[in-house]
Amino acid sequence: MVNDKLVEVVREKIKLGMTEGAIKSYFLQKGEFLDDIDEVIQREMNGVESKVQKKVAVKKGGLVKGLLLTILGVVISLGLAFGGLKLYEYLRDRSKTEELVPVTPTITQAAAPAGSVPYRTGSSIDLLSSETYISKKDGFSIRPPKDWEVDTSGKLGAPIFFFSPKSSVQGKVLYKPSINVQTGLAKGHVLDGYKQFYVDDLKQKLEDLQILEERKLILSGRDALLMKISFTTNGLKLKGEVLLMVSIDTAFVATGLDLESHWSEVETMVETSLYTFNLL
């Protein structure tokens, strides 16, 4: 059986960096453990080489693993950079949506006719145009009242206006009933939150604004909110309905207005038209 002390001394000499020959000379001079010296030196030195090889292998493995992780990190970084560039290009190139600005009703000054012309009522289908107005740019569609004129010039504050061919009268003022559609940033709001934001904004800009009624709807599978409102502007008392709808970051506002004294004549056709509002 190999002496434990011999093993211990050999390990110490190996740690000191002594060669096999130097270790043998050491024990020959001392005259100790001469029978087992060769076996112990070989075994211990082989054990040291094995440990060194393992350390080298582990180090190489770590280097390879680190290199792979570095390459993977570069690939991911490039992917994120490319994705970020594409997102920037998309946000840069898509059509800019302006904040909603309440539209001041268009008022035409003219001599009053003998009286306002009563509107024909009847079934809601009869009241609307057979053609649907589609705005691919703004992403919505709507059926306007029959024979109403279309204005897409944008000069009146909204991208689309529908005007009645006949005017309402207040004193010596002629006012054309109208429906307009606007789009704007939803500012992170869902429908109820955006409604509150929109109403607060209108109250700051329109005199005597009153919310007469609120009605929650589902139009073509989407949540919508219909508000009946009244307010005063430029001495005219107006009444109408506002339809709100929110899709992701865009708010859609469709508004129908007429003189308060004449609203009952157009209410059915305006409301029926608003009910056809849909997002593309």
C-alpha atoms as a PDB file:
ATOM      1  CA  MET A   1       0.000   0.000   0.000  1.00  0.00           C
ATOM      2  CA  VAL A   2       1.393   3.419  -0.981  1.00  0.00           C
ATOM      3  CA  ASN A   3       2.472   5.566   1.955  1.00  0.00           C
ATOM      4  CA  ASP A   4       0.251   8.632   2.434  1.00  0.00           C
ATOM      5  CA  LYS A   5       3.217  10.757   3.470  1.00  0.00           C
ATOM      6  CA  LEU A   6       4.982   9.928   0.197  1.00  0.00           C
ATOM      7  CA  VAL A   7       1.928  11.019  -1.769  1.00  0.00           C
ATOM      8  CA  GLU A   8       1.689  14.245   0.186  1.00  0.00           C
ATOM      9  CA  VAL A   9       5.383  15.121  -0.334  1.00  0.00           C
ATOM     10  CA  VAL A  10       5.186  14.349  -4.082  1.00  0.00           C
ATOM     11  CA  ARG A  11       2.138  16.608  -4.467  1.00  0.00           C
ATOM     12  CA  GLU A  12       3.970  19.448  -2.701  1.00  0.00           C
ATOM     13  CA  LYS A  13       7.008  19.070  -4.985  1.00  0.00           C
ATOM     14  CA  ILE A  14       4.789  19.026  -8.073  1.00  0.00           C
ATOM     15  CA  LYS A  15       3.063  22.199  -6.868  1.00  0.00           C
ATOM     16  CA  LEU A  16       6.524  23.792  -6.517  1.00  0.00           C
ATOM     17  CA  GLY A  17       7.114  23.022 -10.194  1.00  0.00           C
ATOM     18  CA  MET A  18       9.761  20.333  -9.740  1.00  0.00           C
ATOM     19  CA  THR A  19      10.284  17.896 -12.607  1.00  0.00           C
ATOM     20  CA  GLU A  20       9.996  14.131 -12.288  1.00  0.00           C
ATOM     21  CA  GLY A  21      13.799  13.755 -12.240  1.00  0.00           C
ATOM     22  CA  ALA A  22      14.222  16.404  -9.576  1.00  0.00           C
ATOM     23  CA  ILE A  23      11.634  14.724  -7.355  1.00  0.00           C
ATOM     24  CA  LYS A  24      13.376  11.335  -7.741  1.00  0.00           C
ATOM     25  CA  SER A  25      16.749  12.884  -6.867  1.00  0.00           C
ATOM     26  CA  TYR A  26      15.199  14.396  -3.769  1.00  0.00           C
ATOM     27  CA  PHE A  27      14.023  11.001  -2.496  1.00  0.00           C
ATOM     28  CA  LEU A  28      17.282   9.219  -3.542  1.00  0.00           C
ATOM     29  CA  GLN A  29      19.265  11.666  -1.454  1.00  0.00           C
ATOM     30  CA  LYS A  30      16.975  11.035   1.499  1.00  0.00           C
ATOM     31  CA  GLY A  31      16.898   7.285   0.883  1.00  0.00           C
ATOM     32  CA  GLU A  32      13.148   7.117   1.476  1.00  0.00           C
ATOM     33  CA  PHE A  33      10.193   5.454  -0.326  1.00  0.00           C
ATOM     34  CA  LEU A  34      12.437   4.163  -3.116  1.00  0.00           C
ATOM     35  CA  ASP A  35      10.109   1.256  -4.014  1.00  0.00           C
ATOM     36  CA  ASP A  36       6.998   3.351  -4.621  1.00  0.00           C
ATOM     37  CA  ILE A  37       8.479   6.612  -5.844  1.00  0.00           C
ATOM     38  CA  ASP A  38       8.065   6.007  -9.609  1.00  0.00           C
ATOM     39  CA  GLU A  39       4.436   4.909  -9.303  1.00  0.00           C
ATOM     40  CA  VAL A  40       3.432   7.849  -7.107  1.00  0.00           C
ATOM     41  CA  ILE A  41       5.204  10.463  -9.250  1.00  0.00           C
ATOM     42  CA  GLN A  42       3.570   9.148 -12.452  1.00  0.00           C
ATOM     43  CA  ARG A  43       0.130   8.980 -10.912  1.00  0.00           C
ATOM     44  CA  GLU A  44       0.244  12.428  -9.337  1.00  0.00           C
ATOM     45  CA  MET A  45       1.733  14.105 -12.403  1.00  0.00           C
ATOM     46  CA  ASN A  46      -0.902  12.510 -14.630  1.00  0.00           C
ATOM     47  CA  GLY A  47      -3.570  13.798 -12.271  1.00  0.00           C
ATOM     48  CA  VAL A  48      -2.227  17.348 -12.514  1.00  0.00           C
ATOM     49  CA  GLU A  49      -2.133  17.198 -16.325  1.00  0.00           C
ATOM     50  CA  SER A  50      -5.706  15.931 -16.355  1.00  0.00           C
ATOM     51  CA  LYS A  51      -6.866  18.862 -14.221  1.00  0.00           C
ATOM     52  CA  VAL A  52      -4.983  21.335 -16.402  1.00  0.00           C
ATOM     53  CA  GLN A  53      -6.569  19.858 -19.519  1.00  0.00           C
ATOM     54  CA  LYS A  54     -10.024  20.148 -17.969  1.00  0.00           C
ATOM     55  CA  LYS A  55      -9.396  23.791 -17.060  1.00  0.00           C
ATOM     56  CA  VAL A  56      -8.228  24.526 -20.585  1.00  0.00           C
ATOM     57  CA  ALA A  57     -11.290  22.765 -22.002  1.00  0.00           C
ATOM     58  CA  VAL A  58     -13.595  24.686 -19.692  1.00  0.00           C
ATOM     59  CA  LYS A  59     -11.878  27.927 -20.612  1.00  0.00           C
ATOM     60  CA  LYS A  60     -12.194  27.147 -24.321  1.00  0.00           C
ATOM     61  CA  GLY A  61     -15.837  26.200 -23.836  1.00  0.00           C
ATOM     62  CA  GLY A  62     -16.450  29.454 -22.010  1.00  0.00           C
ATOM     63  CA  LEU A  63     -14.763  31.409 -24.789  1.00  0.00           C
ATOM     64  CA  VAL A  64     -16.861  29.675 -27.444  1.00  0.00           C
ATOM     65  CA  LYS A  65     -20.033  30.196 -25.426  1.00  0.00           C
ATOM     66  CA  GLY A  66     -19.147  33.842 -24.863  1.00  0.00           C
ATOM     67  CA  LEU A  67     -18.453  34.301 -28.560  1.00  0.00           C
ATOM     68  CA  LEU A  68     -21.800  32.741 -29.480  1.00  0.00           C
ATOM     69  CA  LEU A  69     -23.627  34.952 -26.971  1.00  0.00           C
ATOM     70  CA  THR A  70     -21.821  38.011 -28.338  1.00  0.00           C
ATOM     71  CA  ILE A  71     -22.824  37.118 -31.906  1.00  0.00           C
ATOM     72  CA  LEU A  72     -26.402  36.477 -30.774  1.00  0.00           C
ATOM     73  CA  GLY A  73     -26.446  39.823 -28.988  1.00  0.00           C
ATOM     74  CA  VAL A  74     -25.234  41.596 -32.123  1.00  0.00           C
ATOM     75  CA  VAL A  75     -27.921  39.867 -34.214  1.00  0.00           C
ATOM     76  CA  ILE A  76     -30.644  40.828 -31.709  1.00  0.00           C
ATOM     77  CA  SER A  77     -29.359  44.406 -31.558  1.00  0.00           C
ATOM     78  CA  LEU A  78     -29.378  44.654 -35.343  1.00  0.00           C
ATOM     79  CA  GLY A  79     -32.907  43.223 -35.401  1.00  0.00           C
ATOM     80  CA  LEU A  80     -34.123  45.736 -32.831  1.00  0.00           C
ATOM     81  CA  ALA A  81     -32.404  48.565 -34.672  1.00  0.00           C
ATOM     82  CA  PHE A  82     -33.979  47.508 -37.973  1.00  0.00           C
ATOM     83  CA  GLY A  83     -37.393  47.122 -36.333  1.00  0.00           C
ATOM     84  CA  GLY A  84     -37.022  50.515 -34.690  1.00  0.00           C
ATOM     85  CA  LEU A  85     -36.097  52.066 -38.033  1.00  0.00           C
ATOM     86  CA  LYS A  86     -39.153  50.550 -39.706  1.00  0.00           C
ATOM     87  CA  LEU A  87     -41.390  51.764 -36.843  1.00  0.00           C
ATOM     88  CA  TYR A  88     -39.905  55.242 -37.179  1.00  0.00           C
ATOM     89  CA  GLU A  89     -40.444  55.222 -40.957  1.00  0.00           C
ATOM     90  CA  TYR A  90     -44.053  54.067 -40.465  1.00  0.00           C
ATOM     91  CA  LEU A  91     -44.809  56.760 -37.912  1.00  0.00           C
ATOM     92  CA  ARG A  92     -43.008  59.350 -40.051  1.00  0.00           C
ATOM     93  CA  ASP A  93     -44.717  58.463 -43.310  1.00  0.00           C
ATOM     94  CA  ARG A  94     -48.278  57.780 -42.132  1.00  0.00           C
ATOM     95  CA  SER A  95     -50.701  60.643 -42.475  1.00  0.00           C
ATOM     96  CA  LYS A  96     -50.563  62.972 -39.514  1.00  0.00           C
ATOM     97  CA  THR A  97     -53.764  63.195 -37.447  1.00  0.00           C
ATOM     98  CA  GLU A  98     -54.462  66.624 -36.044  1.00  0.00           C
ATOM     99  CA  GLU A  99     -56.042  67.259 -32.677  1.00  0.00           C
ATOM    100  CA  LEU A 100     -59.786  67.678 -32.739  1.00  0.00           C
ATOM    101  CA  VAL A 101     -60.984  71.234 -32.973  1.00  0.00           C
ATOM    102  CA  PRO A 102     -64.702  71.900 -32.539  1.00  0.00           C
ATOM    103  CA  VAL A 103     -66.077  73.207 -35.802  1.00  0.00           C
ATOM    104  CA  THR A 104     -67.884  76.534 -35.737  1.00  0.00           C
ATOM    105  CA  PRO A 105     -71.101  76.041 -37.707  1.00  0.00           C
ATOM    106  CA  THR A 106     -71.132  77.657 -41.133  1.00  0.00           C
ATOM    107  CA  ILE A 107     -73.642  80.526 -41.172  1.00  0.00           C
ATOM    108  CA  THR A 108     -74.823  82.270 -44.334  1.00  0.00           C
ATOM    109  CA  GLN A 109     -76.278  85.759 -44.041  1.00  0.00           C
ATOM    110  CA  ALA A 110     -79.138  86.355 -46.504  1.00  0.00           C
ATOM    111  CA  ALA A 111     -82.638  87.720 -46.738  1.00  0.00           C
ATOM    112  CA  ALA A 112     -85.067  85.346 -45.092  1.00  0.00           C
ATOM    113  CA  PRO A 113     -87.474  83.504 -47.367  1.00  0.00           C
ATOM    114  CA  ALA A 114     -91.181  83.401 -46.568  1.00  0.00           C
ATOM    115  CA  GLY A 115     -90.550  80.580 -44.135  1.00  0.00           C
ATOM    116  CA  SER A 116     -88.476  77.481 -43.551  1.00  0.00           C
ATOM    117  CA  VAL A 117     -89.334  74.523 -45.723  1.00  0.00           C
ATOM    118  CA  PRO A 118     -90.615  71.523 -43.764  1.00  0.00           C
ATOM    119  CA  TYR A 119     -88.661  68.317 -44.250  1.00  0.00           C
ATOM    120  CA  ARG A 120     -90.329  65.183 -45.432  1.00  0.00           C
ATOM    121  CA  THR A 121     -90.302  62.511 -42.800  1.00  0.00           C
ATOM    122  CA  GLY A 122     -91.110  58.869 -43.412  1.00  0.00           C
ATOM    123  CA  SER A 123     -89.183  55.639 -43.163  1.00  0.00           C
ATOM    124  CA  SER A 124     -85.507  56.010 -42.248  1.00  0.00           C
ATOM    125  CA  ILE A 125     -84.453  54.220 -45.442  1.00  0.00           C
ATOM    126  CA  ASP A 126     -86.243  56.784 -47.579  1.00  0.00           C
ATOM    127  CA  LEU A 127     -84.398  59.609 -45.826  1.00  0.00           C
ATOM    128  CA  LEU A 128     -80.880  58.521 -46.817  1.00  0.00           C
ATOM    129  CA  SER A 129     -78.902  58.570 -50.014  1.00  0.00           C
ATOM    130  CA  SER A 130     -78.638  55.239 -51.806  1.00  0.00           C
ATOM    131  CA  GLU A 131     -74.869  55.760 -52.023  1.00  0.00           C
ATOM    132  CA  THR A 132     -72.443  55.387 -49.132  1.00  0.00           C
ATOM    133  CA  TYR A 133     -69.705  57.980 -48.759  1.00  0.00           C
ATOM    134  CA  ILE A 134     -66.351  56.227 -48.172  1.00  0.00           C
ATOM    135  CA  SER A 135     -63.194  57.975 -46.966  1.00  0.00           C
ATOM    136  CA  LYS A 136     -60.287  55.563 -47.384  1.00  0.00           C
ATOM    137  CA  LYS A 137     -57.866  58.235 -46.200  1.00  0.00           C
ATOM    138  CA  ASP A 138     -59.608  58.730 -42.853  1.00  0.00           C
ATOM    139  CA  GLY A 139     -60.928  55.166 -42.568  1.00  0.00           C
ATOM    140  CA  PHE A 140     -64.695  55.567 -42.283  1.00  0.00           C
ATOM    141  CA  SER A 141     -67.940  55.403 -44.235  1.00  0.00           C
ATOM    142  CA  ILE A 142     -71.371  56.985 -43.790  1.00  0.00           C
ATOM    143  CA  ARG A 143     -74.642  57.336 -45.704  1.00  0.00           C
ATOM    144  CA  PRO A 144     -75.679  61.003 -45.805  1.00  0.00           C
ATOM    145  CA  PRO A 145     -79.277  62.192 -46.011  1.00  0.00           C
ATOM    146  CA  LYS A 146     -80.767  62.078 -49.495  1.00  0.00           C
ATOM    147  CA  ASP A 147     -79.835  64.962 -51.818  1.00  0.00           C
ATOM    148  CA  TRP A 148     -77.484  66.577 -49.314  1.00  0.00           C
ATOM    149  CA  GLU A 149     -74.443  68.281 -50.846  1.00  0.00           C
ATOM    150  CA  VAL A 150     -70.911  67.027 -50.161  1.00  0.00           C
ATOM    151  CA  ASP A 151     -67.975  69.319 -49.345  1.00  0.00           C
ATOM    152  CA  THR A 152     -64.524  67.709 -49.054  1.00  0.00           C
ATOM    153  CA  SER A 153     -62.483  70.907 -49.413  1.00  0.00           C
ATOM    154  CA  GLY A 154     -61.492  70.890 -45.738  1.00  0.00           C
ATOM    155  CA  LYS A 155     -61.853  74.687 -45.653  1.00  0.00           C
ATOM    156  CA  LEU A 156     -64.641  74.546 -43.085  1.00  0.00           C
ATOM    157  CA  GLY A 157     -62.579  72.785 -40.417  1.00  0.00           C
ATOM    158  CA  ALA A 158     -63.525  69.159 -41.049  1.00  0.00           C
ATOM    159  CA  PRO A 159     -62.442  66.872 -43.913  1.00  0.00           C
ATOM    160  CA  ILE A 160     -66.047  66.111 -44.894  1.00  0.00           C
ATOM    161  CA  PHE A 161     -69.290  68.080 -44.660  1.00  0.00           C
ATOM    162  CA  PHE A 162     -72.773  67.192 -45.856  1.00  0.00           C
ATOM    163  CA  PHE A 163     -75.138  70.157 -46.279  1.00  0.00           C
ATOM    164  CA  SER A 164     -78.888  70.194 -46.642  1.00  0.00           C
ATOM    165  CA  PRO A 165     -80.016  71.767 -49.927  1.00  0.00           C
ATOM    166  CA  LYS A 166     -82.528  73.822 -47.916  1.00  0.00           C
ATOM    167  CA  SER A 167     -81.855  76.384 -45.228  1.00  0.00           C
ATOM    168  CA  SER A 168     -83.340  76.942 -41.804  1.00  0.00           C
ATOM    169  CA  VAL A 169     -84.179  80.469 -40.706  1.00  0.00           C
ATOM    170  CA  GLN A 170     -83.624  82.492 -37.541  1.00  0.00           C
ATOM    171  CA  GLY A 171     -84.565  86.134 -37.942  1.00  0.00           C
ATOM    172  CA  LYS A 172     -82.694  87.269 -41.030  1.00  0.00           C
ATOM    173  CA  VAL A 173     -80.118  84.491 -40.840  1.00  0.00           C
ATOM    174  CA  LEU A 174     -80.119  81.447 -43.079  1.00  0.00           C
ATOM    175  CA  TYR A 175     -78.483  78.340 -41.658  1.00  0.00           C
ATOM    176  CA  LYS A 176     -77.920  75.118 -43.559  1.00  0.00           C
ATOM    177  CA  PRO A 177     -78.349  71.929 -41.516  1.00  0.00           C
ATOM    178  CA  SER A 178     -75.171  69.882 -41.780  1.00  0.00           C
ATOM    179  CA  ILE A 179     -73.318  66.730 -40.813  1.00  0.00           C
ATOM    180  CA  ASN A 180     -69.531  66.715 -40.536  1.00  0.00           C
ATOM    181  CA  VAL A 181     -66.975  64.058 -39.648  1.00  0.00           C
ATOM    182  CA  GLN A 182     -63.641  64.714 -37.966  1.00  0.00           C
ATOM    183  CA  THR A 183     -60.793  62.481 -36.848  1.00  0.00           C
ATOM    184  CA  GLY A 184     -58.231  63.208 -34.169  1.00  0.00           C
ATOM    185  CA  LEU A 185     -55.870  61.717 -31.625  1.00  0.00           C
ATOM    186  CA  ALA A 186     -57.590  59.730 -28.903  1.00  0.00           C
ATOM    187  CA  LYS A 187     -54.779  60.706 -26.500  1.00  0.00           C
ATOM    188  CA  GLY A 188     -54.750  57.227 -24.987  1.00  0.00           C
ATOM    189  CA  HIS A 189     -58.421  57.359 -24.027  1.00  0.00           C
ATOM    190  CA  VAL A 190     -60.998  54.643 -24.482  1.00  0.00           C
ATOM    191  CA  LEU A 191     -64.503  55.738 -25.469  1.00  0.00           C
ATOM    192  CA  ASP A 192     -65.809  56.968 -22.090  1.00  0.00           C
ATOM    193  CA  GLY A 193     -62.577  58.767 -21.280  1.00  0.00           C
ATOM    194  CA  TYR A 194     -62.451  60.420 -24.656  1.00  0.00           C
ATOM    195  CA  LYS A 195     -66.057  61.553 -24.333  1.00  0.00           C
ATOM    196  CA  GLN A 196     -65.204  63.394 -21.129  1.00  0.00           C
ATOM    197  CA  PHE A 197     -62.121  64.952 -22.718  1.00  0.00           C
ATOM    198  CA  TYR A 198     -64.138  66.066 -25.747  1.00  0.00           C
ATOM    199  CA  VAL A 199     -67.013  67.510 -23.712  1.00  0.00           C
ATOM    200  CA  ASP A 200     -64.609  69.428 -21.456  1.00  0.00           C
ATOM    201  CA  ASP A 201     -62.950  70.880 -24.543  1.00  0.00           C
ATOM    202  CA  LEU A 202     -66.277  71.905 -26.077  1.00  0.00           C
ATOM    203  CA  LYS A 203     -67.417  73.585 -22.852  1.00  0.00           C
ATOM    204  CA  GLN A 204     -64.404  75.867 -23.037  1.00  0.00           C
ATOM    205  CA  LYS A 205     -65.143  76.873 -26.636  1.00  0.00           C
ATOM    206  CA  LEU A 206     -68.927  76.846 -27.017  1.00  0.00           C
ATOM    207  CA  GLU A 207     -71.333  79.066 -25.127  1.00  0.00           C
ATOM    208  CA  ASP A 208     -74.008  77.441 -22.957  1.00  0.00           C
ATOM    209  CA  LEU A 209     -73.158  73.888 -24.034  1.00  0.00           C
ATOM    210  CA  GLN A 210     -75.662  71.390 -22.644  1.00  0.00           C
ATOM    211  CA  ILE A 211     -75.605  67.605 -22.910  1.00  0.00           C
ATOM    212  CA  LEU A 212     -79.281  66.761 -23.233  1.00  0.00           C
ATOM    213  CA  GLU A 213     -78.978  62.998 -23.608  1.00  0.00           C
ATOM    214  CA  GLU A 214     -76.361  60.251 -23.853  1.00  0.00           C
ATOM    215  CA  ARG A 215     -76.912  56.932 -25.542  1.00  0.00           C
ATOM    216  CA  LYS A 216     -74.446  54.031 -25.705  1.00  0.00           C
ATOM    217  CA  LEU A 217     -74.601  52.108 -28.975  1.00  0.00           C
ATOM    218  CA  ILE A 218     -73.011  49.228 -30.826  1.00  0.00           C
ATOM    219  CA  LEU A 219     -72.595  50.083 -34.514  1.00  0.00           C
ATOM    220  CA  SER A 220     -71.270  47.357 -36.815  1.00  0.00           C
ATOM    221  CA  GLY A 221     -69.861  45.555 -33.779  1.00  0.00           C
ATOM    222  CA  ARG A 222     -68.085  48.627 -32.368  1.00  0.00           C
ATOM    223  CA  ASP A 223     -68.843  50.617 -29.228  1.00  0.00           C
ATOM    224  CA  ALA A 224     -70.148  54.109 -29.911  1.00  0.00           C
ATOM    225  CA  LEU A 225     -71.674  56.968 -27.934  1.00  0.00           C
ATOM    226  CA  LEU A 226     -74.410  59.314 -29.165  1.00  0.00           C
ATOM    227  CA  MET A 227     -74.904  62.663 -27.420  1.00  0.00           C
ATOM    228  CA  LYS A 228     -77.690  65.160 -28.015  1.00  0.00           C
ATOM    229  CA  ILE A 229     -76.390  68.683 -27.439  1.00  0.00           C
ATOM    230  CA  SER A 230     -77.419  72.326 -27.598  1.00  0.00           C
ATOM    231  CA  PHE A 231     -75.339  75.501 -27.474  1.00  0.00           C
ATOM    232  CA  THR A 232     -75.203  79.118 -28.588  1.00  0.00           C
ATOM    233  CA  THR A 233     -72.748  80.512 -31.124  1.00  0.00           C
ATOM    234  CA  ASN A 234     -72.719  83.938 -32.768  1.00  0.00           C
ATOM    235  CA  GLY A 235     -76.155  84.597 -31.318  1.00  0.00           C
ATOM    236  CA  LEU A 236     -77.656  81.454 -32.858  1.00  0.00           C
ATOM    237  CA  LYS A 237     -79.148  78.704 -30.730  1.00  0.00           C
ATOM    238  CA  LEU A 238     -78.167  75.363 -32.254  1.00  0.00           C
ATOM    239  CA  LYS A 239     -79.088  71.800 -31.470  1.00  0.00           C
ATOM    240  CA  GLY A 240     -77.707  68.529 -32.720  1.00  0.00           C
ATOM    241  CA  GLU A 241     -76.246  65.088 -32.174  1.00  0.00           C
ATOM    242  CA  VAL A 242     -72.636  63.962 -31.805  1.00  0.00           C
ATOM    243  CA  LEU A 243     -71.499  60.389 -32.449  1.00  0.00           C
ATOM    244  CA  LEU A 244     -68.195  59.338 -30.863  1.00  0.00           C
ATOM    245  CA  MET A 245     -66.177  56.253 -31.729  1.00  0.00           C
ATOM    246  CA  VAL A 246     -62.578  55.330 -30.802  1.00  0.00           C
ATOM    247  CA  SER A 247     -60.328  52.881 -32.630  1.00  0.00           C
ATOM    248  CA  ILE A 248     -56.831  52.298 -31.187  1.00  0.00           C
ATOM    249  CA  ASP A 249     -55.296  55.817 -31.123  1.00  0.00           C
ATOM    250  CA  THR A 250     -57.831  57.556 -33.363  1.00  0.00           C
ATOM    251  CA  ALA A 251     -61.085  59.212 -32.343  1.00  0.00           C
ATOM    252  CA  PHE A 252     -63.928  59.689 -34.822  1.00  0.00           C
ATOM    253  CA  VAL A 253     -66.507  62.428 -34.258  1.00  0.00           C
ATOM    254  CA  ALA A 254     -69.587  62.768 -36.486  1.00  0.00           C
ATOM    255  CA  THR A 255     -71.763  65.799 -35.742  1.00  0.00           C
ATOM    256  CA  GLY A 256     -75.169  66.819 -37.086  1.00  0.00           C
ATOM    257  CA  LEU A 257     -76.425  70.362 -36.375  1.00  0.00           C
ATOM    258  CA  ASP A 258     -79.333  72.675 -37.133  1.00  0.00           C
ATOM    259  CA  LEU A 259     -81.069  75.660 -35.581  1.00  0.00           C
ATOM    260  CA  GLU A 260     -82.765  74.672 -32.341  1.00  0.00           C
ATOM    261  CA  SER A 261     -86.093  75.945 -33.664  1.00  0.00           C
ATOM    262  CA  HIS A 262     -85.839  73.687 -36.710  1.00  0.00           C
ATOM    263  CA  TRP A 263     -84.076  70.647 -35.243  1.00  0.00           C
ATOM    264  CA  SER A 264     -87.191  68.519 -34.951  1.00  0.00           C
ATOM    265  CA  GLU A 265     -87.578  68.711 -38.748  1.00  0.00           C
ATOM    266  CA  VAL A 266     -84.170  67.132 -39.443  1.00  0.00           C
ATOM    267  CA  GLU A 267     -83.538  65.073 -36.305  1.00  0.00           C
ATOM    268  CA  THR A 268     -84.740  61.760 -37.747  1.00  0.00           C
ATOM    269  CA  MET A 269     -82.687  61.966 -40.936  1.00  0.00           C
ATOM    270  CA  VAL A 270     -79.555  63.177 -39.141  1.00  0.00           C
ATOM    271  CA  GLU A 271     -79.760  60.478 -36.489  1.00  0.00           C
ATOM    272  CA  THR A 272     -80.450  57.800 -39.107  1.00  0.00           C
ATOM    273  CA  SER A 273     -77.412  58.953 -41.063  1.00  0.00           C
ATOM    274  CA  LEU A 274     -75.188  58.887 -37.968  1.00  0.00           C
ATOM    275  CA  TYR A 275     -76.330  55.342 -37.278  1.00  0.00           C
ATOM    276  CA  THR A 276     -74.795  54.265 -40.609  1.00  0.00           C
ATOM    277  CA  PHE A 277     -71.331  55.483 -39.553  1.00  0.00           C
ATOM    278  CA  ASN A 278     -68.779  52.682 -39.781  1.00  0.00           C
ATOM    279  CA  LEU A 279     -65.011  52.214 -39.660  1.00  0.00           C
ATOM    280  CA  LEU A 280     -63.206  50.605 -42.568  1.00  0.00           C
END
